[in-house]
Amino acid sequence: MLIDFKVRKDDFGYYVVAYRVVAGVETRWETCDAMARVLNLEPKDMSTFLADKFGGETETKNKRVHFATRAEAMVCRDGLRDLIPLAIETNNLYLPS
């Protein structure tokens, strides 16, 4: 897979990050702003999408949309994974080399 998602935890709860590994080096996009750039979206649209579609918090803390439980964050992670083929098909996936 060109890009994948994983669940992380900080002081505010669980959140989802995008990442990819190239030649053994992991590049991670941990904020809504960074993930939005990779998916060719506006940062506000990304946080609104995560809140509306997956039940994340509506007000971001440290530019991340947090979830109350790990299970909720895992549903979001899986939903974002499903979007990658569509992003590739519509040429909306931006991965700098």
PDB file of N, CA and C in Angstrom:
ATOM      1  N   MET A   1       0.851  -1.183   0.000  1.00  0.00           N
ATOM      2  CA  MET A   1       0.000   0.000   0.000  1.00  0.00           C
ATOM      3  C   MET A   1       0.895   1.244   0.000  1.00  0.00           C
ATOM      4  N   LEU A   2       0.530   2.228  -0.787  1.00  0.00           N
ATOM      5  CA  LEU A   2       1.314   3.462  -0.855  1.00  0.00           C
ATOM      6  C   LEU A   2       1.309   4.235   0.451  1.00  0.00           C
ATOM      7  N   ILE A   3       0.176   4.248   1.110  1.00  0.00           N
ATOM      8  CA  ILE A   3       0.010   4.988   2.353  1.00  0.00           C
ATOM      9  C   ILE A   3      -0.913   4.166   3.248  1.00  0.00           C
ATOM     10  N   ASP A   4      -0.684   4.242   4.534  1.00  0.00           N
ATOM     11  CA  ASP A   4      -1.519   3.517   5.477  1.00  0.00           C
ATOM     12  C   ASP A   4      -1.812   4.428   6.662  1.00  0.00           C
ATOM     13  N   PHE A   5      -2.627   3.942   7.563  1.00  0.00           N
ATOM     14  CA  PHE A   5      -3.038   4.715   8.733  1.00  0.00           C
ATOM     15  C   PHE A   5      -2.873   3.856   9.972  1.00  0.00           C
ATOM     16  N   LYS A   6      -2.573   4.506  11.083  1.00  0.00           N
ATOM     17  CA  LYS A   6      -2.492   3.792  12.354  1.00  0.00           C
ATOM     18  C   LYS A   6      -3.030   4.673  13.468  1.00  0.00           C
ATOM     19  N   VAL A   7      -3.384   4.026  14.571  1.00  0.00           N
ATOM     20  CA  VAL A   7      -3.950   4.719  15.724  1.00  0.00           C
ATOM     21  C   VAL A   7      -2.826   5.042  16.701  1.00  0.00           C
ATOM     22  N   ARG A   8      -2.843   6.253  17.199  1.00  0.00           N
ATOM     23  CA  ARG A   8      -1.878   6.706  18.209  1.00  0.00           C
ATOM     24  C   ARG A   8      -2.657   7.292  19.388  1.00  0.00           C
ATOM     25  N   LYS A   9      -1.987   7.525  20.487  1.00  0.00           N
ATOM     26  CA  LYS A   9      -2.627   8.092  21.668  1.00  0.00           C
ATOM     27  C   LYS A   9      -1.758   9.199  22.242  1.00  0.00           C
ATOM     28  N   ASP A  10      -2.412  10.268  22.680  1.00  0.00           N
ATOM     29  CA  ASP A  10      -1.719  11.329  23.402  1.00  0.00           C
ATOM     30  C   ASP A  10      -2.556  11.701  24.627  1.00  0.00           C
ATOM     31  N   ASP A  11      -2.271  12.824  25.228  1.00  0.00           N
ATOM     32  CA  ASP A  11      -2.970  13.238  26.449  1.00  0.00           C
ATOM     33  C   ASP A  11      -4.461  13.510  26.240  1.00  0.00           C
ATOM     34  N   PHE A  12      -4.881  13.753  25.011  1.00  0.00           N
ATOM     35  CA  PHE A  12      -6.266  14.101  24.728  1.00  0.00           C
ATOM     36  C   PHE A  12      -7.112  12.914  24.268  1.00  0.00           C
ATOM     37  N   GLY A  13      -6.488  11.801  23.956  1.00  0.00           N
ATOM     38  CA  GLY A  13      -7.230  10.624  23.505  1.00  0.00           C
ATOM     39  C   GLY A  13      -6.552   9.966  22.323  1.00  0.00           C
ATOM     40  N   TYR A  14      -7.334   9.204  21.590  1.00  0.00           N
ATOM     41  CA  TYR A  14      -6.832   8.459  20.429  1.00  0.00           C
ATOM     42  C   TYR A  14      -7.032   9.272  19.155  1.00  0.00           C
ATOM     43  N   TYR A  15      -6.111   9.133  18.221  1.00  0.00           N
ATOM     44  CA  TYR A  15      -6.212   9.817  16.942  1.00  0.00           C
ATOM     45  C   TYR A  15      -5.575   8.942  15.866  1.00  0.00           C
ATOM     46  N   VAL A  16      -5.836   9.284  14.626  1.00  0.00           N
ATOM     47  CA  VAL A  16      -5.339   8.504  13.495  1.00  0.00           C
ATOM     48  C   VAL A  16      -4.278   9.314  12.759  1.00  0.00           C
ATOM     49  N   VAL A  17      -3.199   8.640  12.373  1.00  0.00           N
ATOM     50  CA  VAL A  17      -2.150   9.285  11.592  1.00  0.00           C
ATOM     51  C   VAL A  17      -1.960   8.529  10.283  1.00  0.00           C
ATOM     52  N   ALA A  18      -1.543   9.247   9.269  1.00  0.00           N
ATOM     53  CA  ALA A  18      -1.195   8.648   7.983  1.00  0.00           C
ATOM     54  C   ALA A  18       0.318   8.440   7.973  1.00  0.00           C
ATOM     55  N   TYR A  19       0.746   7.375   7.313  1.00  0.00           N
ATOM     56  CA  TYR A  19       2.185   7.142   7.210  1.00  0.00           C
ATOM     57  C   TYR A  19       2.488   6.293   5.979  1.00  0.00           C
ATOM     58  N   ARG A  20       3.748   6.317   5.603  1.00  0.00           N
ATOM     59  CA  ARG A  20       4.238   5.396   4.587  1.00  0.00           C
ATOM     60  C   ARG A  20       5.693   5.113   4.876  1.00  0.00           C
ATOM     61  N   VAL A  21       6.142   3.971   4.412  1.00  0.00           N
ATOM     62  CA  VAL A  21       7.526   3.554   4.605  1.00  0.00           C
ATOM     63  C   VAL A  21       8.161   3.394   3.228  1.00  0.00           C
ATOM     64  N   VAL A  22       9.250   4.107   3.021  1.00  0.00           N
ATOM     65  CA  VAL A  22      10.004   4.024   1.767  1.00  0.00           C
ATOM     66  C   VAL A  22      11.455   3.751   2.130  1.00  0.00           C
ATOM     67  N   ALA A  23      11.980   2.672   1.598  1.00  0.00           N
ATOM     68  CA  ALA A  23      13.368   2.269   1.851  1.00  0.00           C
ATOM     69  C   ALA A  23      13.661   2.195   3.344  1.00  0.00           C
ATOM     70  N   GLY A  24      12.698   1.696   4.102  1.00  0.00           N
ATOM     71  CA  GLY A  24      12.881   1.513   5.535  1.00  0.00           C
ATOM     72  C   GLY A  24      12.724   2.763   6.383  1.00  0.00           C
ATOM     73  N   VAL A  25      12.371   3.884   5.757  1.00  0.00           N
ATOM     74  CA  VAL A  25      12.200   5.140   6.488  1.00  0.00           C
ATOM     75  C   VAL A  25      10.717   5.494   6.523  1.00  0.00           C
ATOM     76  N   GLU A  26      10.199   5.705   7.729  1.00  0.00           N
ATOM     77  CA  GLU A  26       8.779   6.042   7.882  1.00  0.00           C
ATOM     78  C   GLU A  26       8.582   7.547   7.834  1.00  0.00           C
ATOM     79  N   THR A  27       7.649   7.979   7.002  1.00  0.00           N
ATOM     80  CA  THR A  27       7.201   9.362   6.967  1.00  0.00           C
ATOM     81  C   THR A  27       5.800   9.368   7.546  1.00  0.00           C
ATOM     82  N   ARG A  28       5.567  10.248   8.520  1.00  0.00           N
ATOM     83  CA  ARG A  28       4.283  10.276   9.206  1.00  0.00           C
ATOM     84  C   ARG A  28       3.645  11.657   9.084  1.00  0.00           C
ATOM     85  N   TRP A  29       2.317  11.665   8.861  1.00  0.00           N
ATOM     86  CA  TRP A  29       1.527  12.892   8.831  1.00  0.00           C
ATOM     87  C   TRP A  29       0.540  12.792   9.989  1.00  0.00           C
ATOM     88  N   GLU A  30       0.815  13.524  11.079  1.00  0.00           N
ATOM     89  CA  GLU A  30       0.077  13.337  12.322  1.00  0.00           C
ATOM     90  C   GLU A  30      -1.045  14.336  12.552  1.00  0.00           C
ATOM     91  N   THR A  31      -1.068  15.442  11.854  1.00  0.00           N
ATOM     92  CA  THR A  31      -2.118  16.440  12.080  1.00  0.00           C
ATOM     93  C   THR A  31      -3.134  16.406  10.940  1.00  0.00           C
ATOM     94  N   CYS A  32      -4.291  16.992  11.197  1.00  0.00           N
ATOM     95  CA  CYS A  32      -5.315  17.077  10.142  1.00  0.00           C
ATOM     96  C   CYS A  32      -4.791  17.875   8.958  1.00  0.00           C
ATOM     97  N   ASP A  33      -4.022  18.922   9.241  1.00  0.00           N
ATOM     98  CA  ASP A  33      -3.458  19.735   8.157  1.00  0.00           C
ATOM     99  C   ASP A  33      -2.559  18.892   7.262  1.00  0.00           C
ATOM    100  N   ALA A  34      -1.689  18.092   7.862  1.00  0.00           N
ATOM    101  CA  ALA A  34      -0.752  17.276   7.090  1.00  0.00           C
ATOM    102  C   ALA A  34      -1.486  16.179   6.319  1.00  0.00           C
ATOM    103  N   MET A  35      -2.432  15.502   6.967  1.00  0.00           N
ATOM    104  CA  MET A  35      -3.177  14.450   6.269  1.00  0.00           C
ATOM    105  C   MET A  35      -4.019  15.051   5.150  1.00  0.00           C
ATOM    106  N   ALA A  36      -4.556  16.233   5.349  1.00  0.00           N
ATOM    107  CA  ALA A  36      -5.350  16.890   4.315  1.00  0.00           C
ATOM    108  C   ALA A  36      -4.502  17.170   3.078  1.00  0.00           C
ATOM    109  N   ARG A  37      -3.272  17.612   3.292  1.00  0.00           N
ATOM    110  CA  ARG A  37      -2.387  17.879   2.143  1.00  0.00           C
ATOM    111  C   ARG A  37      -2.125  16.612   1.343  1.00  0.00           C
ATOM    112  N   VAL A  38      -1.923  15.498   2.036  1.00  0.00           N
ATOM    113  CA  VAL A  38      -1.659  14.230   1.349  1.00  0.00           C
ATOM    114  C   VAL A  38      -2.882  13.790   0.546  1.00  0.00           C
ATOM    115  N   LEU A  39      -4.080  14.040   1.083  1.00  0.00           N
ATOM    116  CA  LEU A  39      -5.312  13.627   0.405  1.00  0.00           C
ATOM    117  C   LEU A  39      -5.915  14.735  -0.451  1.00  0.00           C
ATOM    118  N   ASN A  40      -5.163  15.815  -0.649  1.00  0.00           N
ATOM    119  CA  ASN A  40      -5.579  16.926  -1.497  1.00  0.00           C
ATOM    120  C   ASN A  40      -6.908  17.530  -1.044  1.00  0.00           C
ATOM    121  N   LEU A  41      -7.020  17.768   0.258  1.00  0.00           N
ATOM    122  CA  LEU A  41      -8.210  18.380   0.861  1.00  0.00           C
ATOM    123  C   LEU A  41      -7.820  19.639   1.619  1.00  0.00           C
ATOM    124  N   GLU A  42      -8.804  20.448   1.923  1.00  0.00           N
ATOM    125  CA  GLU A  42      -8.592  21.588   2.799  1.00  0.00           C
ATOM    126  C   GLU A  42      -8.510  21.065   4.236  1.00  0.00           C
ATOM    127  N   PRO A  43      -7.627  21.615   5.063  1.00  0.00           N
ATOM    128  CA  PRO A  43      -7.502  21.128   6.443  1.00  0.00           C
ATOM    129  C   PRO A  43      -8.818  21.139   7.220  1.00  0.00           C
ATOM    130  N   LYS A  44      -9.607  22.177   7.071  1.00  0.00           N
ATOM    131  CA  LYS A  44     -10.892  22.244   7.778  1.00  0.00           C
ATOM    132  C   LYS A  44     -11.822  21.129   7.284  1.00  0.00           C
ATOM    133  N   ASP A  45     -11.777  20.839   5.989  1.00  0.00           N
ATOM    134  CA  ASP A  45     -12.611  19.763   5.443  1.00  0.00           C
ATOM    135  C   ASP A  45     -12.208  18.412   6.026  1.00  0.00           C
ATOM    136  N   MET A  46     -10.920  18.216   6.242  1.00  0.00           N
ATOM    137  CA  MET A  46     -10.445  16.948   6.800  1.00  0.00           C
ATOM    138  C   MET A  46     -10.955  16.753   8.218  1.00  0.00           C
ATOM    139  N   SER A  47     -10.828  17.763   9.056  1.00  0.00           N
ATOM    140  CA  SER A  47     -11.286  17.633  10.444  1.00  0.00           C
ATOM    141  C   SER A  47     -12.798  17.496  10.514  1.00  0.00           C
ATOM    142  N   THR A  48     -13.522  18.208   9.654  1.00  0.00           N
ATOM    143  CA  THR A  48     -14.982  18.088   9.623  1.00  0.00           C
ATOM    144  C   THR A  48     -15.383  16.687   9.164  1.00  0.00           C
ATOM    145  N   PHE A  49     -14.708  16.168   8.153  1.00  0.00           N
ATOM    146  CA  PHE A  49     -14.988  14.822   7.663  1.00  0.00           C
ATOM    147  C   PHE A  49     -14.779  13.784   8.762  1.00  0.00           C
ATOM    148  N   LEU A  50     -13.658  13.865   9.469  1.00  0.00           N
ATOM    149  CA  LEU A  50     -13.377  12.901  10.533  1.00  0.00           C
ATOM    150  C   LEU A  50     -14.397  12.993  11.659  1.00  0.00           C
ATOM    151  N   ALA A  51     -14.840  14.194  11.966  1.00  0.00           N
ATOM    152  CA  ALA A  51     -15.842  14.369  13.024  1.00  0.00           C
ATOM    153  C   ALA A  51     -17.208  13.868  12.577  1.00  0.00           C
ATOM    154  N   ASP A  52     -17.630  14.244  11.374  1.00  0.00           N
ATOM    155  CA  ASP A  52     -18.973  13.869  10.888  1.00  0.00           C
ATOM    156  C   ASP A  52     -19.075  12.387  10.529  1.00  0.00           C
ATOM    157  N   LYS A  53     -18.102  11.883   9.814  1.00  0.00           N
ATOM    158  CA  LYS A  53     -18.172  10.506   9.314  1.00  0.00           C
ATOM    159  C   LYS A  53     -17.845   9.464  10.381  1.00  0.00           C
ATOM    160  N   PHE A  54     -16.889   9.786  11.254  1.00  0.00           N
ATOM    161  CA  PHE A  54     -16.398   8.781  12.183  1.00  0.00           C
ATOM    162  C   PHE A  54     -16.627   9.109  13.658  1.00  0.00           C
ATOM    163  N   GLY A  55     -17.281  10.223  13.941  1.00  0.00           N
ATOM    164  CA  GLY A  55     -17.623  10.546  15.325  1.00  0.00           C
ATOM    165  C   GLY A  55     -16.487  11.104  16.160  1.00  0.00           C
ATOM    166  N   GLY A  56     -15.507  11.702  15.514  1.00  0.00           N
ATOM    167  CA  GLY A  56     -14.417  12.329  16.260  1.00  0.00           C
ATOM    168  C   GLY A  56     -14.877  13.641  16.869  1.00  0.00           C
ATOM    169  N   GLU A  57     -14.039  14.222  17.691  1.00  0.00           N
ATOM    170  CA  GLU A  57     -14.382  15.496  18.325  1.00  0.00           C
ATOM    171  C   GLU A  57     -14.522  16.598  17.274  1.00  0.00           C
ATOM    172  N   THR A  58     -15.407  17.522  17.531  1.00  0.00           N
ATOM    173  CA  THR A  58     -15.633  18.598  16.563  1.00  0.00           C
ATOM    174  C   THR A  58     -14.608  19.724  16.719  1.00  0.00           C
ATOM    175  N   GLU A  59     -14.087  19.923  17.898  1.00  0.00           N
ATOM    176  CA  GLU A  59     -13.034  20.921  18.120  1.00  0.00           C
ATOM    177  C   GLU A  59     -11.705  20.188  18.262  1.00  0.00           C
ATOM    178  N   THR A  60     -10.773  20.466  17.369  1.00  0.00           N
ATOM    179  CA  THR A  60      -9.495  19.762  17.410  1.00  0.00           C
ATOM    180  C   THR A  60      -8.613  20.313  18.526  1.00  0.00           C
ATOM    181  N   LYS A  61      -7.830  19.433  19.069  1.00  0.00           N
ATOM    182  CA  LYS A  61      -6.788  19.810  20.022  1.00  0.00           C
ATOM    183  C   LYS A  61      -5.471  19.445  19.354  1.00  0.00           C
ATOM    184  N   ASN A  62      -4.523  20.327  19.411  1.00  0.00           N
ATOM    185  CA  ASN A  62      -3.219  20.175  18.768  1.00  0.00           C
ATOM    186  C   ASN A  62      -3.330  19.709  17.306  1.00  0.00           C
ATOM    187  N   LYS A  63      -4.346  20.231  16.627  1.00  0.00           N
ATOM    188  CA  LYS A  63      -4.596  19.990  15.194  1.00  0.00           C
ATOM    189  C   LYS A  63      -4.856  18.527  14.858  1.00  0.00           C
ATOM    190  N   ARG A  64      -5.356  17.776  15.836  1.00  0.00           N
ATOM    191  CA  ARG A  64      -5.712  16.373  15.629  1.00  0.00           C
ATOM    192  C   ARG A  64      -7.160  16.172  16.050  1.00  0.00           C
ATOM    193  N   VAL A  65      -7.874  15.324  15.336  1.00  0.00           N
ATOM    194  CA  VAL A  65      -9.229  14.946  15.722  1.00  0.00           C
ATOM    195  C   VAL A  65      -9.103  13.715  16.614  1.00  0.00           C
ATOM    196  N   HIS A  66      -9.558  13.845  17.836  1.00  0.00           N
ATOM    197  CA  HIS A  66      -9.430  12.757  18.808  1.00  0.00           C
ATOM    198  C   HIS A  66     -10.733  11.976  18.931  1.00  0.00           C
ATOM    199  N   PHE A  67     -10.574  10.737  19.337  1.00  0.00           N
ATOM    200  CA  PHE A  67     -11.699   9.827  19.565  1.00  0.00           C
ATOM    201  C   PHE A  67     -11.663   9.385  21.023  1.00  0.00           C
ATOM    202  N   ALA A  68     -12.845   9.113  21.563  1.00  0.00           N
ATOM    203  CA  ALA A  68     -12.952   8.747  22.973  1.00  0.00           C
ATOM    204  C   ALA A  68     -12.349   7.375  23.262  1.00  0.00           C
ATOM    205  N   THR A  69     -12.475   6.458  22.315  1.00  0.00           N
ATOM    206  CA  THR A  69     -11.972   5.107  22.542  1.00  0.00           C
ATOM    207  C   THR A  69     -11.077   4.665  21.391  1.00  0.00           C
ATOM    208  N   ARG A  70     -10.269   3.679  21.672  1.00  0.00           N
ATOM    209  CA  ARG A  70      -9.413   3.110  20.633  1.00  0.00           C
ATOM    210  C   ARG A  70     -10.263   2.463  19.543  1.00  0.00           C
ATOM    211  N   ALA A  71     -11.375   1.832  19.930  1.00  0.00           N
ATOM    212  CA  ALA A  71     -12.255   1.177  18.954  1.00  0.00           C
ATOM    213  C   ALA A  71     -12.804   2.192  17.948  1.00  0.00           C
ATOM    214  N   GLU A  72     -13.191   3.377  18.416  1.00  0.00           N
ATOM    215  CA  GLU A  72     -13.695   4.417  17.507  1.00  0.00           C
ATOM    216  C   GLU A  72     -12.591   4.873  16.557  1.00  0.00           C
ATOM    217  N   ALA A  73     -11.390   5.024  17.072  1.00  0.00           N
ATOM    218  CA  ALA A  73     -10.262   5.437  16.231  1.00  0.00           C
ATOM    219  C   ALA A  73      -9.932   4.361  15.199  1.00  0.00           C
ATOM    220  N   MET A  74     -10.086   3.095  15.566  1.00  0.00           N
ATOM    221  CA  MET A  74      -9.818   2.003  14.629  1.00  0.00           C
ATOM    222  C   MET A  74     -10.838   1.970  13.495  1.00  0.00           C
ATOM    223  N   VAL A  75     -12.092   2.322  13.781  1.00  0.00           N
ATOM    224  CA  VAL A  75     -13.110   2.423  12.731  1.00  0.00           C
ATOM    225  C   VAL A  75     -12.718   3.529  11.754  1.00  0.00           C
ATOM    226  N   CYS A  76     -12.245   4.655  12.288  1.00  0.00           N
ATOM    227  CA  CYS A  76     -11.788   5.759  11.442  1.00  0.00           C
ATOM    228  C   CYS A  76     -10.590   5.318  10.602  1.00  0.00           C
ATOM    229  N   ARG A  77      -9.629   4.659  11.223  1.00  0.00           N
ATOM    230  CA  ARG A  77      -8.448   4.160  10.499  1.00  0.00           C
ATOM    231  C   ARG A  77      -8.864   3.282   9.323  1.00  0.00           C
ATOM    232  N   ASP A  78      -9.777   2.357   9.575  1.00  0.00           N
ATOM    233  CA  ASP A  78     -10.222   1.444   8.517  1.00  0.00           C
ATOM    234  C   ASP A  78     -10.981   2.192   7.417  1.00  0.00           C
ATOM    235  N   GLY A  79     -11.779   3.176   7.806  1.00  0.00           N
ATOM    236  CA  GLY A  79     -12.504   3.982   6.820  1.00  0.00           C
ATOM    237  C   GLY A  79     -11.560   4.788   5.939  1.00  0.00           C
ATOM    238  N   LEU A  80     -10.513   5.328   6.536  1.00  0.00           N
ATOM    239  CA  LEU A  80      -9.535   6.078   5.751  1.00  0.00           C
ATOM    240  C   LEU A  80      -8.759   5.152   4.814  1.00  0.00           C
ATOM    241  N   ARG A  81      -8.487   3.956   5.257  1.00  0.00           N
ATOM    242  CA  ARG A  81      -7.820   2.982   4.377  1.00  0.00           C
ATOM    243  C   ARG A  81      -8.662   2.710   3.137  1.00  0.00           C
ATOM    244  N   ASP A  82      -9.968   2.654   3.313  1.00  0.00           N
ATOM    245  CA  ASP A  82     -10.869   2.411   2.183  1.00  0.00           C
ATOM    246  C   ASP A  82     -10.871   3.564   1.187  1.00  0.00           C
ATOM    247  N   LEU A  83     -10.492   4.764   1.637  1.00  0.00           N
ATOM    248  CA  LEU A  83     -10.483   5.937   0.750  1.00  0.00           C
ATOM    249  C   LEU A  83      -9.270   5.988  -0.171  1.00  0.00           C
ATOM    250  N   ILE A  84      -8.194   5.319   0.183  1.00  0.00           N
ATOM    251  CA  ILE A  84      -6.958   5.422  -0.595  1.00  0.00           C
ATOM    252  C   ILE A  84      -7.129   4.967  -2.049  1.00  0.00           C
ATOM    253  N   PRO A  85      -7.768   3.825  -2.319  1.00  0.00           N
ATOM    254  CA  PRO A  85      -7.959   3.458  -3.733  1.00  0.00           C
ATOM    255  C   PRO A  85      -8.751   4.515  -4.513  1.00  0.00           C
ATOM    256  N   LEU A  86      -9.746   5.114  -3.879  1.00  0.00           N
ATOM    257  CA  LEU A  86     -10.514   6.177  -4.537  1.00  0.00           C
ATOM    258  C   LEU A  86      -9.641   7.411  -4.777  1.00  0.00           C
ATOM    259  N   ALA A  87      -8.803   7.751  -3.803  1.00  0.00           N
ATOM    260  CA  ALA A  87      -7.906   8.893  -3.971  1.00  0.00           C
ATOM    261  C   ALA A  87      -6.915   8.655  -5.104  1.00  0.00           C
ATOM    262  N   ILE A  88      -6.452   7.434  -5.242  1.00  0.00           N
ATOM    263  CA  ILE A  88      -5.530   7.103  -6.337  1.00  0.00           C
ATOM    264  C   ILE A  88      -6.262   7.184  -7.675  1.00  0.00           C
ATOM    265  N   GLU A  89      -7.458   6.631  -7.719  1.00  0.00           N
ATOM    266  CA  GLU A  89      -8.233   6.622  -8.962  1.00  0.00           C
ATOM    267  C   GLU A  89      -8.570   8.029  -9.434  1.00  0.00           C
ATOM    268  N   THR A  90      -8.870   8.933  -8.510  1.00  0.00           N
ATOM    269  CA  THR A  90      -9.248  10.291  -8.878  1.00  0.00           C
ATOM    270  C   THR A  90      -8.049  11.245  -8.899  1.00  0.00           C
ATOM    271  N   ASN A  91      -6.853  10.679  -8.721  1.00  0.00           N
ATOM    272  CA  ASN A  91      -5.626  11.477  -8.740  1.00  0.00           C
ATOM    273  C   ASN A  91      -5.607  12.536  -7.646  1.00  0.00           C
ATOM    274  N   ASN A  92      -6.138  12.196  -6.472  1.00  0.00           N
ATOM    275  CA  ASN A  92      -6.154  13.119  -5.337  1.00  0.00           C
ATOM    276  C   ASN A  92      -5.220  12.695  -4.221  1.00  0.00           C
ATOM    277  N   LEU A  93      -4.294  11.833  -4.515  1.00  0.00           N
ATOM    278  CA  LEU A  93      -3.310  11.418  -3.516  1.00  0.00           C
ATOM    279  C   LEU A  93      -1.994  12.068  -3.867  1.00  0.00           C
ATOM    280  N   TYR A  94      -1.459  12.862  -2.951  1.00  0.00           N
ATOM    281  CA  TYR A  94      -0.210  13.568  -3.199  1.00  0.00           C
ATOM    282  C   TYR A  94       0.863  13.010  -2.278  1.00  0.00           C
ATOM    283  N   LEU A  95       1.802  12.297  -2.849  1.00  0.00           N
ATOM    284  CA  LEU A  95       2.909  11.751  -2.088  1.00  0.00           C
ATOM    285  C   LEU A  95       4.213  12.232  -2.716  1.00  0.00           C
ATOM    286  N   PRO A  96       4.857  13.197  -2.084  1.00  0.00           N
ATOM    287  CA  PRO A  96       6.126  13.675  -2.644  1.00  0.00           C
ATOM    288  C   PRO A  96       7.173  12.568  -2.615  1.00  0.00           C
ATOM    289  N   SER A  97       8.021  12.570  -3.603  1.00  0.00           N
ATOM    290  CA  SER A  97       9.042  11.528  -3.667  1.00  0.00           C
ATOM    291  C   SER A  97      10.286  11.956  -2.920  1.00  0.00           C
TER     292      SER A  97
END
